[in-house]
Amino acid sequence: MHSSAPLVFWSRLDTSGINPEDHRHWLSAEEQDKADRFVFPEHARLYALAHIFMRAVLSLLMLHPPGKLQFFHGAYGKPYLLEGPQINLSHSGPYVALAVSATHQVGVDIEVLKDMSPDTLGAAFSPQERLVFSSLERQPDDLFRFWARKEAVMKSLGLGLHLDPSSFNVGHPAPVFETWRNIDAKVDSDPVPIQLIDLHLEENLSAALAMVGINPLKAPVLHACHLAEVIFAAHHHER
């Protein structure tokens, strides 16, 4: 992988016609076990398909068999490759997105739009954000965009909800698709610079990408993928 711009690959999983059992052997024992522990079969199916998608895309980028990609986990569970690009996976409902960067730690989050009360995310607002949201006539997707940004930042640092989402600001809820915004987060009281950008994938999705660092970043390159085509292409690297 030689691109200096971050890459975001995304797909819809429930229209692919792919049976995850046909590619279960690509998944690690840990991934298989987690899929088996879902209560609802549809949740298990979408989880497996999301991880099959991730392995297929990385197989094509790294020219490596999808079933032989080995993932490790940080202190708070974020997966990473020992030798390879920085990655992060998100899936919501029937959608999946994979962020890939050759140079920066990365976090991506997607959220399928549905009804949500501001009270649901009350604890995630910083004092400044609480004032902004209270003064606006919010659009239905403002809350989801807000939460996607928060998640992307927390995931880029590999901390997830171990980082208090109210401890940093993610800006005005209006979408910004063209330029990165600077986010000042703190980890153990030390400031960590984050770059954040909104992603326009589909009308019924809110999505955001975050990257750790202060270097000027190129705009992310978005790739809308058909799951079946990606899996078919990855079969060439299976052996």
Protein backbone atom coordinates (compact mmCIF):
# COMPACT_ATOMS: atom_id res chain seq x y z
CA MET A 1 0.00 0.00 0.00
CA HIS A 2 1.58 3.28 -1.12
CA SER A 3 -1.24 5.86 -0.91
CA SER A 4 -0.52 8.83 1.37
CA ALA A 5 -4.23 9.59 1.59
CA PRO A 6 -6.39 7.59 3.98
CA LEU A 7 -8.68 5.10 2.30
CA VAL A 8 -12.23 4.24 3.35
CA PHE A 9 -13.87 1.15 1.86
CA TRP A 10 -17.55 0.64 2.55
CA SER A 11 -20.29 -1.73 1.54
CA ARG A 12 -23.84 -2.84 2.21
CA LEU A 13 -23.89 -6.38 3.57
CA ASP A 14 -27.52 -7.49 3.40
CA THR A 15 -27.93 -7.27 -0.39
CA SER A 16 -24.84 -9.24 -1.37
CA GLY A 17 -26.32 -12.74 -1.42
CA ILE A 18 -23.13 -13.97 0.25
CA ASN A 19 -23.40 -16.82 2.75
CA PRO A 20 -20.78 -16.16 5.46
CA GLU A 21 -20.46 -19.90 6.09
CA ASP A 22 -18.80 -20.22 2.67
CA HIS A 23 -15.93 -18.01 3.91
CA ARG A 24 -15.91 -18.87 7.61
CA HIS A 25 -12.47 -20.43 7.17
CA TRP A 26 -11.08 -16.94 6.51
CA LEU A 27 -12.00 -15.88 10.05
CA SER A 28 -9.79 -16.46 13.07
CA ALA A 29 -10.94 -18.71 15.90
CA GLU A 30 -11.63 -15.57 17.93
CA GLU A 31 -13.81 -14.05 15.19
CA GLN A 32 -15.70 -17.32 14.73
CA ASP A 33 -16.29 -17.59 18.46
CA LYS A 34 -17.61 -14.05 18.68
CA ALA A 35 -19.97 -14.63 15.75
CA ASP A 36 -21.27 -17.77 17.44
CA ARG A 37 -22.04 -15.88 20.65
CA PHE A 38 -24.59 -13.52 19.11
CA VAL A 39 -28.12 -14.20 20.30
CA PHE A 40 -29.78 -13.26 17.00
CA PRO A 41 -28.67 -15.10 13.83
CA GLU A 42 -28.89 -11.94 11.70
CA HIS A 43 -26.48 -10.12 14.01
CA ALA A 44 -24.06 -13.03 13.76
CA ARG A 45 -24.37 -13.04 9.98
CA LEU A 46 -23.68 -9.32 9.62
CA TYR A 47 -20.73 -9.50 12.04
CA ALA A 48 -19.18 -12.36 10.06
CA LEU A 49 -19.76 -10.60 6.74
CA ALA A 50 -18.18 -7.39 8.05
CA HIS A 51 -15.03 -9.25 9.07
CA ILE A 52 -14.96 -11.21 5.81
CA PHE A 53 -15.18 -7.87 3.99
CA MET A 54 -12.28 -6.47 6.04
CA ARG A 55 -10.12 -9.49 5.28
CA ALA A 56 -10.98 -9.42 1.59
CA VAL A 57 -10.11 -5.72 1.21
CA LEU A 58 -6.84 -6.07 3.13
CA SER A 59 -5.97 -9.17 1.10
CA LEU A 60 -6.23 -7.10 -2.08
CA LEU A 61 -4.23 -4.20 -0.63
CA MET A 62 -1.49 -6.35 0.90
CA LEU A 63 -1.47 -9.21 -1.66
CA HIS A 64 -1.88 -11.66 1.19
CA PRO A 65 -4.26 -14.60 1.70
CA PRO A 66 -7.34 -13.30 3.56
CA GLY A 67 -7.40 -16.23 5.96
CA LYS A 68 -3.76 -15.78 6.92
CA LEU A 69 -3.98 -12.14 7.99
CA GLN A 70 -3.12 -12.08 11.67
CA PHE A 71 -4.63 -9.41 13.90
CA PHE A 72 -3.39 -8.36 17.31
CA HIS A 73 -5.20 -6.20 19.87
CA GLY A 74 -4.18 -3.12 21.81
CA ALA A 75 -4.68 -2.68 25.53
CA TYR A 76 -8.32 -1.69 25.02
CA GLY A 77 -9.12 -4.15 22.24
CA LYS A 78 -8.40 -2.20 19.06
CA PRO A 79 -7.25 -4.63 16.33
CA TYR A 80 -4.04 -3.95 14.44
CA LEU A 81 -1.71 -5.67 11.99
CA LEU A 82 1.83 -6.32 13.15
CA GLU A 83 3.16 -5.62 9.66
CA GLY A 84 0.83 -3.57 7.55
CA PRO A 85 -1.22 -0.38 7.44
CA GLN A 86 -3.17 1.18 10.29
CA ILE A 87 -6.80 0.00 10.16
CA ASN A 88 -10.15 0.43 11.81
CA LEU A 89 -13.51 -1.23 11.17
CA SER A 90 -17.04 -0.04 11.86
CA HIS A 91 -20.39 -1.59 11.09
CA SER A 92 -23.90 -0.41 11.81
CA GLY A 93 -26.96 -2.36 10.77
CA PRO A 94 -26.29 -3.72 7.28
CA TYR A 95 -23.37 -1.36 6.53
CA VAL A 96 -19.64 -1.75 7.04
CA ALA A 97 -16.72 0.66 6.63
CA LEU A 98 -12.99 -0.03 6.80
CA ALA A 99 -10.48 2.80 7.19
CA VAL A 100 -6.88 2.20 6.11
CA SER A 101 -3.86 4.47 6.48
CA ALA A 102 -0.22 3.86 5.68
CA THR A 103 0.92 6.69 7.97
CA HIS A 104 -1.49 7.49 10.83
CA GLN A 105 -3.49 5.79 13.53
CA VAL A 106 -7.06 5.88 12.27
CA GLY A 107 -10.61 5.59 13.57
CA VAL A 108 -13.84 5.37 11.58
CA ASP A 109 -17.45 5.21 12.65
CA ILE A 110 -20.69 4.84 10.73
CA GLU A 111 -24.20 5.16 12.13
CA VAL A 112 -27.48 4.21 10.44
CA LEU A 113 -29.93 7.07 10.94
CA LYS A 114 -32.98 6.41 13.09
CA ASP A 115 -34.96 8.22 15.76
CA MET A 116 -32.88 9.31 18.73
CA SER A 117 -33.51 11.59 21.67
CA PRO A 118 -30.77 14.08 22.67
CA ASP A 119 -31.07 12.62 26.17
CA THR A 120 -29.57 9.38 24.83
CA LEU A 121 -26.23 11.13 24.29
CA GLY A 122 -26.46 13.62 27.12
CA ALA A 123 -23.38 12.30 28.93
CA ALA A 124 -21.31 12.54 25.73
CA PHE A 125 -21.74 16.30 25.33
CA SER A 126 -19.01 18.61 26.52
CA PRO A 127 -20.30 21.80 28.22
CA GLN A 128 -19.63 23.76 25.01
CA GLU A 129 -21.43 21.20 22.86
CA ARG A 130 -24.39 21.18 25.21
CA LEU A 131 -24.76 24.94 24.69
CA VAL A 132 -24.50 24.61 20.90
CA PHE A 133 -27.07 21.83 20.67
CA SER A 134 -29.50 23.62 22.98
CA SER A 135 -29.45 26.71 20.76
CA LEU A 136 -29.98 24.96 17.40
CA GLU A 137 -32.96 23.71 15.48
CA ARG A 138 -31.40 20.30 14.99
CA GLN A 139 -31.76 18.21 11.87
CA PRO A 140 -32.52 14.51 12.42
CA ASP A 141 -28.99 13.43 11.54
CA ASP A 142 -27.17 15.97 13.73
CA LEU A 143 -27.03 13.65 16.73
CA PHE A 144 -25.77 10.73 14.68
CA ARG A 145 -23.09 12.87 13.04
CA PHE A 146 -22.07 14.10 16.48
CA TRP A 147 -21.79 10.56 17.84
CA ALA A 148 -19.98 9.23 14.75
CA ARG A 149 -17.35 11.95 15.25
CA LYS A 150 -16.97 11.10 18.94
CA GLU A 151 -16.61 7.39 18.18
CA ALA A 152 -14.10 8.01 15.39
CA VAL A 153 -11.88 10.07 17.71
CA MET A 154 -12.04 7.52 20.53
CA LYS A 155 -11.33 4.66 18.13
CA SER A 156 -8.39 6.44 16.49
CA LEU A 157 -6.69 6.55 19.89
CA GLY A 158 -7.49 2.90 20.52
CA LEU A 159 -9.37 3.81 23.70
CA GLY A 160 -13.03 3.49 22.80
CA LEU A 161 -15.25 4.46 25.73
CA HIS A 162 -12.25 4.39 28.07
CA LEU A 163 -11.87 7.99 26.88
CA ASP A 164 -14.63 10.18 28.29
CA PRO A 165 -16.52 11.46 25.21
CA SER A 166 -17.45 14.66 27.05
CA SER A 167 -13.76 15.55 27.52
CA PHE A 168 -13.31 16.86 23.96
CA ASN A 169 -15.27 18.88 21.40
CA VAL A 170 -16.07 17.74 17.86
CA GLY A 171 -17.37 21.04 16.53
CA HIS A 172 -20.60 22.41 15.09
CA PRO A 173 -23.01 19.67 13.99
CA ALA A 174 -23.16 20.94 10.38
CA PRO A 175 -21.30 18.46 8.13
CA VAL A 176 -17.79 19.25 6.89
CA PHE A 177 -16.86 16.89 4.05
CA GLU A 178 -14.04 18.81 2.38
CA THR A 179 -11.59 19.81 5.10
CA TRP A 180 -10.10 18.31 8.24
CA ARG A 181 -10.83 19.96 11.57
CA ASN A 182 -8.45 19.95 14.53
CA ILE A 183 -9.60 18.19 17.68
CA ASP A 184 -7.75 18.51 20.97
CA ALA A 185 -8.20 15.37 23.04
CA LYS A 186 -6.34 14.46 26.21
CA VAL A 187 -5.03 11.06 27.23
CA ASP A 188 -3.81 10.85 30.84
CA SER A 189 -3.88 14.67 30.92
CA ASP A 190 -1.53 14.87 27.90
CA PRO A 191 -2.90 16.67 24.82
CA VAL A 192 -3.14 14.56 21.67
CA PRO A 193 -3.84 16.27 18.33
CA ILE A 194 -6.53 14.64 16.19
CA GLN A 195 -7.69 15.43 12.66
CA LEU A 196 -11.40 14.81 11.99
CA ILE A 197 -13.55 14.84 8.86
CA ASP A 198 -17.14 13.89 8.04
CA LEU A 199 -17.75 11.25 5.35
CA HIS A 200 -20.60 11.30 2.85
CA LEU A 201 -21.42 7.67 2.08
CA GLU A 202 -25.21 7.36 1.79
CA GLU A 203 -28.12 9.60 2.71
CA ASN A 204 -29.22 7.32 5.55
CA LEU A 205 -25.75 7.14 7.12
CA SER A 206 -23.66 9.44 9.27
CA ALA A 207 -19.95 8.71 9.18
CA ALA A 208 -16.69 10.25 10.34
CA LEU A 209 -12.97 9.57 10.07
CA ALA A 210 -10.35 10.57 12.64
CA MET A 211 -6.56 10.37 12.42
CA VAL A 212 -3.96 10.96 15.11
CA GLY A 213 -1.41 13.67 14.32
CA ILE A 214 -0.97 17.25 13.18
CA ASN A 215 0.55 16.72 9.75
CA PRO A 216 -1.44 18.13 6.81
CA LEU A 217 -3.61 15.32 5.51
CA LYS A 218 -5.00 14.63 2.09
CA ALA A 219 -8.74 14.15 1.80
CA PRO A 220 -9.81 10.54 2.30
CA VAL A 221 -10.42 8.45 -0.80
CA LEU A 222 -13.79 6.71 -0.59
CA HIS A 223 -14.44 3.35 -2.24
CA ALA A 224 -18.00 2.05 -2.48
CA CYS A 225 -17.66 -1.73 -2.77
CA HIS A 226 -19.88 -4.62 -3.74
CA LEU A 227 -19.19 -7.35 -1.21
CA ALA A 228 -19.43 -10.24 -3.68
CA GLU A 229 -16.96 -8.60 -6.08
CA VAL A 230 -14.41 -7.90 -3.34
CA ILE A 231 -14.62 -11.49 -2.06
CA PHE A 232 -14.30 -12.89 -5.58
CA ALA A 233 -11.18 -10.79 -6.21
CA ALA A 234 -9.67 -11.83 -2.87
CA HIS A 235 -9.93 -15.50 -3.83
CA HIS A 236 -6.93 -14.97 -6.12
CA HIS A 237 -4.77 -14.49 -3.01
CA GLU A 238 -6.30 -17.30 -0.99
CA ARG A 239 -3.45 -19.73 -1.57
